[in-house]
Amino acid sequence: MTATRPEIDEATRTELEAAAFRTLVAHLRERTDVQNIDLMNLAGFCRNCLAKWYRAAAEEKGLPLDYEGAREIVYGMPYSEWKDRHQKEASAEQQATFSKSQPAGH
């Protein structure tokens, strides 16, 4: 089966990517049961990574967005509030998996 992949102009590509990003963020906001350490252990990124990438993109555009502001965009609330409501302490097994899977200096 041949994939259907139409020619997409730059503006449309950006709109589609933005829509996909918004859907991912909404999904992660809904799935508060999924801990960041689980995301890191399975996928190599988490909500905080998304916030860092968002902040970096804002910086490239000359927009003054700090890390905490970017995290609020991703989490839908201040990180401290999300942490109090939803973050559980990582198990020893989760921490061990994380330690093994992370590049030095991460």
C-alpha atoms as a PDB file:
ATOM      1  CA  MET A   1       0.000   0.000   0.000  1.00  0.00           C
ATOM      2  CA  THR A   2       1.342   3.405  -0.963  1.00  0.00           C
ATOM      3  CA  ALA A   3       1.117   6.220   1.562  1.00  0.00           C
ATOM      4  CA  THR A   4      -0.832   9.327   0.627  1.00  0.00           C
ATOM      5  CA  ARG A   5       1.277  12.365   1.258  1.00  0.00           C
ATOM      6  CA  PRO A   6       0.205  15.538  -0.492  1.00  0.00           C
ATOM      7  CA  GLU A   7       2.541  18.440  -1.134  1.00  0.00           C
ATOM      8  CA  ILE A   8       2.169  20.787   1.805  1.00  0.00           C
ATOM      9  CA  ASP A   9       3.269  24.398   1.815  1.00  0.00           C
ATOM     10  CA  GLU A  10       5.278  25.769   4.755  1.00  0.00           C
ATOM     11  CA  ALA A  11       2.373  27.681   6.355  1.00  0.00           C
ATOM     12  CA  THR A  12       0.060  24.663   6.229  1.00  0.00           C
ATOM     13  CA  ARG A  13       2.807  22.395   7.590  1.00  0.00           C
ATOM     14  CA  THR A  14       3.298  24.786  10.507  1.00  0.00           C
ATOM     15  CA  GLU A  15      -0.460  24.869  11.165  1.00  0.00           C
ATOM     16  CA  LEU A  16      -0.647  21.066  11.144  1.00  0.00           C
ATOM     17  CA  GLU A  17       2.353  20.762  13.458  1.00  0.00           C
ATOM     18  CA  ALA A  18       0.850  23.341  15.817  1.00  0.00           C
ATOM     19  CA  ALA A  19      -2.458  21.456  15.870  1.00  0.00           C
ATOM     20  CA  ALA A  20      -0.657  18.189  16.602  1.00  0.00           C
ATOM     21  CA  PHE A  21       1.307  19.886  19.407  1.00  0.00           C
ATOM     22  CA  ARG A  22      -1.880  21.317  20.933  1.00  0.00           C
ATOM     23  CA  THR A  23      -3.465  17.863  20.813  1.00  0.00           C
ATOM     24  CA  LEU A  24      -0.408  16.300  22.486  1.00  0.00           C
ATOM     25  CA  VAL A  25      -0.422  18.935  25.236  1.00  0.00           C
ATOM     26  CA  ALA A  26      -4.175  18.486  25.804  1.00  0.00           C
ATOM     27  CA  HIS A  27      -3.687  14.727  25.970  1.00  0.00           C
ATOM     28  CA  LEU A  28      -0.882  15.065  28.529  1.00  0.00           C
ATOM     29  CA  ARG A  29      -2.999  17.462  30.605  1.00  0.00           C
ATOM     30  CA  GLU A  30      -5.782  14.871  30.671  1.00  0.00           C
ATOM     31  CA  ARG A  31      -3.429  11.980  31.487  1.00  0.00           C
ATOM     32  CA  THR A  32      -2.263  13.208  34.865  1.00  0.00           C
ATOM     33  CA  ASP A  33      -1.887   9.547  35.842  1.00  0.00           C
ATOM     34  CA  VAL A  34       1.115   9.326  33.518  1.00  0.00           C
ATOM     35  CA  GLN A  35       4.108  10.551  35.456  1.00  0.00           C
ATOM     36  CA  ASN A  36       6.965  12.470  33.841  1.00  0.00           C
ATOM     37  CA  ILE A  37       9.450   9.797  34.882  1.00  0.00           C
ATOM     38  CA  ASP A  38       7.370   7.207  33.022  1.00  0.00           C
ATOM     39  CA  LEU A  39       7.419   9.382  29.909  1.00  0.00           C
ATOM     40  CA  MET A  40      11.180   9.840  30.228  1.00  0.00           C
ATOM     41  CA  ASN A  41      11.789   6.137  30.755  1.00  0.00           C
ATOM     42  CA  LEU A  42       9.626   5.076  27.818  1.00  0.00           C
ATOM     43  CA  ALA A  43       9.941   7.915  25.327  1.00  0.00           C
ATOM     44  CA  GLY A  44      12.983   9.935  26.360  1.00  0.00           C
ATOM     45  CA  PHE A  45      11.014  13.162  26.873  1.00  0.00           C
ATOM     46  CA  CYS A  46       8.404  14.526  29.262  1.00  0.00           C
ATOM     47  CA  ARG A  47       6.237  17.570  29.875  1.00  0.00           C
ATOM     48  CA  ASN A  48       9.266  19.510  31.106  1.00  0.00           C
ATOM     49  CA  CYS A  49      11.107  18.735  27.866  1.00  0.00           C
ATOM     50  CA  LEU A  50       8.156  20.084  25.880  1.00  0.00           C
ATOM     51  CA  ALA A  51       8.279  23.251  27.983  1.00  0.00           C
ATOM     52  CA  LYS A  52      12.011  23.621  27.321  1.00  0.00           C
ATOM     53  CA  TRP A  53      11.477  23.172  23.572  1.00  0.00           C
ATOM     54  CA  TYR A  54       8.607  25.677  23.645  1.00  0.00           C
ATOM     55  CA  ARG A  55      10.740  28.217  25.506  1.00  0.00           C
ATOM     56  CA  ALA A  56      13.596  27.710  23.052  1.00  0.00           C
ATOM     57  CA  ALA A  57      11.246  28.284  20.119  1.00  0.00           C
ATOM     58  CA  ALA A  58       9.973  31.480  21.758  1.00  0.00           C
ATOM     59  CA  GLU A  59      13.552  32.615  22.328  1.00  0.00           C
ATOM     60  CA  GLU A  60      14.345  32.057  18.635  1.00  0.00           C
ATOM     61  CA  LYS A  61      11.465  34.428  17.833  1.00  0.00           C
ATOM     62  CA  GLY A  62      12.734  36.993  20.345  1.00  0.00           C
ATOM     63  CA  LEU A  63       9.816  36.429  22.746  1.00  0.00           C
ATOM     64  CA  PRO A  64      10.561  36.817  26.468  1.00  0.00           C
ATOM     65  CA  LEU A  65       9.255  33.516  27.848  1.00  0.00           C
ATOM     66  CA  ASP A  66      10.969  31.936  30.818  1.00  0.00           C
ATOM     67  CA  TYR A  67      10.984  28.237  31.674  1.00  0.00           C
ATOM     68  CA  GLU A  68       8.281  28.541  34.344  1.00  0.00           C
ATOM     69  CA  GLY A  69       6.029  30.405  31.918  1.00  0.00           C
ATOM     70  CA  ALA A  70       6.564  27.691  29.316  1.00  0.00           C
ATOM     71  CA  ARG A  71       5.809  24.988  31.880  1.00  0.00           C
ATOM     72  CA  GLU A  72       2.552  26.730  32.739  1.00  0.00           C
ATOM     73  CA  ILE A  73       1.618  26.617  29.045  1.00  0.00           C
ATOM     74  CA  VAL A  74       2.338  22.880  28.862  1.00  0.00           C
ATOM     75  CA  TYR A  75       0.856  21.899  32.232  1.00  0.00           C
ATOM     76  CA  GLY A  76      -2.157  24.236  32.024  1.00  0.00           C
ATOM     77  CA  MET A  77      -1.349  25.580  35.486  1.00  0.00           C
ATOM     78  CA  PRO A  78       1.736  26.560  37.487  1.00  0.00           C
ATOM     79  CA  TYR A  79       4.075  23.574  37.749  1.00  0.00           C
ATOM     80  CA  SER A  80       4.065  23.715  41.558  1.00  0.00           C
ATOM     81  CA  GLU A  81       0.276  23.316  41.533  1.00  0.00           C
ATOM     82  CA  TRP A  82       0.406  20.398  39.052  1.00  0.00           C
ATOM     83  CA  LYS A  83       3.131  18.759  41.133  1.00  0.00           C
ATOM     84  CA  ASP A  84       1.058  19.063  44.334  1.00  0.00           C
ATOM     85  CA  ARG A  85      -2.057  17.683  42.629  1.00  0.00           C
ATOM     86  CA  HIS A  86      -0.664  14.942  40.414  1.00  0.00           C
ATOM     87  CA  GLN A  87       2.983  14.039  40.905  1.00  0.00           C
ATOM     88  CA  LYS A  88       3.746  10.898  42.832  1.00  0.00           C
ATOM     89  CA  GLU A  89       7.112   9.957  44.275  1.00  0.00           C
ATOM     90  CA  ALA A  90       9.102   7.874  41.819  1.00  0.00           C
ATOM     91  CA  SER A  91       9.676   4.280  42.812  1.00  0.00           C
ATOM     92  CA  ALA A  92      13.176   2.873  43.177  1.00  0.00           C
ATOM     93  CA  GLU A  93      12.593   0.900  39.972  1.00  0.00           C
ATOM     94  CA  GLN A  94      11.540   4.027  38.046  1.00  0.00           C
ATOM     95  CA  GLN A  95      14.575   5.921  39.332  1.00  0.00           C
ATOM     96  CA  ALA A  96      16.930   3.065  38.407  1.00  0.00           C
ATOM     97  CA  THR A  97      15.475   2.860  34.877  1.00  0.00           C
ATOM     98  CA  PHE A  98      15.789   6.630  34.548  1.00  0.00           C
ATOM     99  CA  SER A  99      19.412   6.596  35.694  1.00  0.00           C
ATOM    100  CA  LYS A 100      20.318   3.902  33.166  1.00  0.00           C
ATOM    101  CA  SER A 101      18.525   5.520  30.250  1.00  0.00           C
ATOM    102  CA  GLN A 102      19.748   9.113  30.581  1.00  0.00           C
ATOM    103  CA  PRO A 103      22.818  10.435  28.822  1.00  0.00           C
ATOM    104  CA  ALA A 104      25.507  11.821  31.088  1.00  0.00           C
ATOM    105  CA  GLY A 105      24.761  15.346  32.261  1.00  0.00           C
ATOM    106  CA  HIS A 106      21.002  15.255  31.643  1.00  0.00           C
END
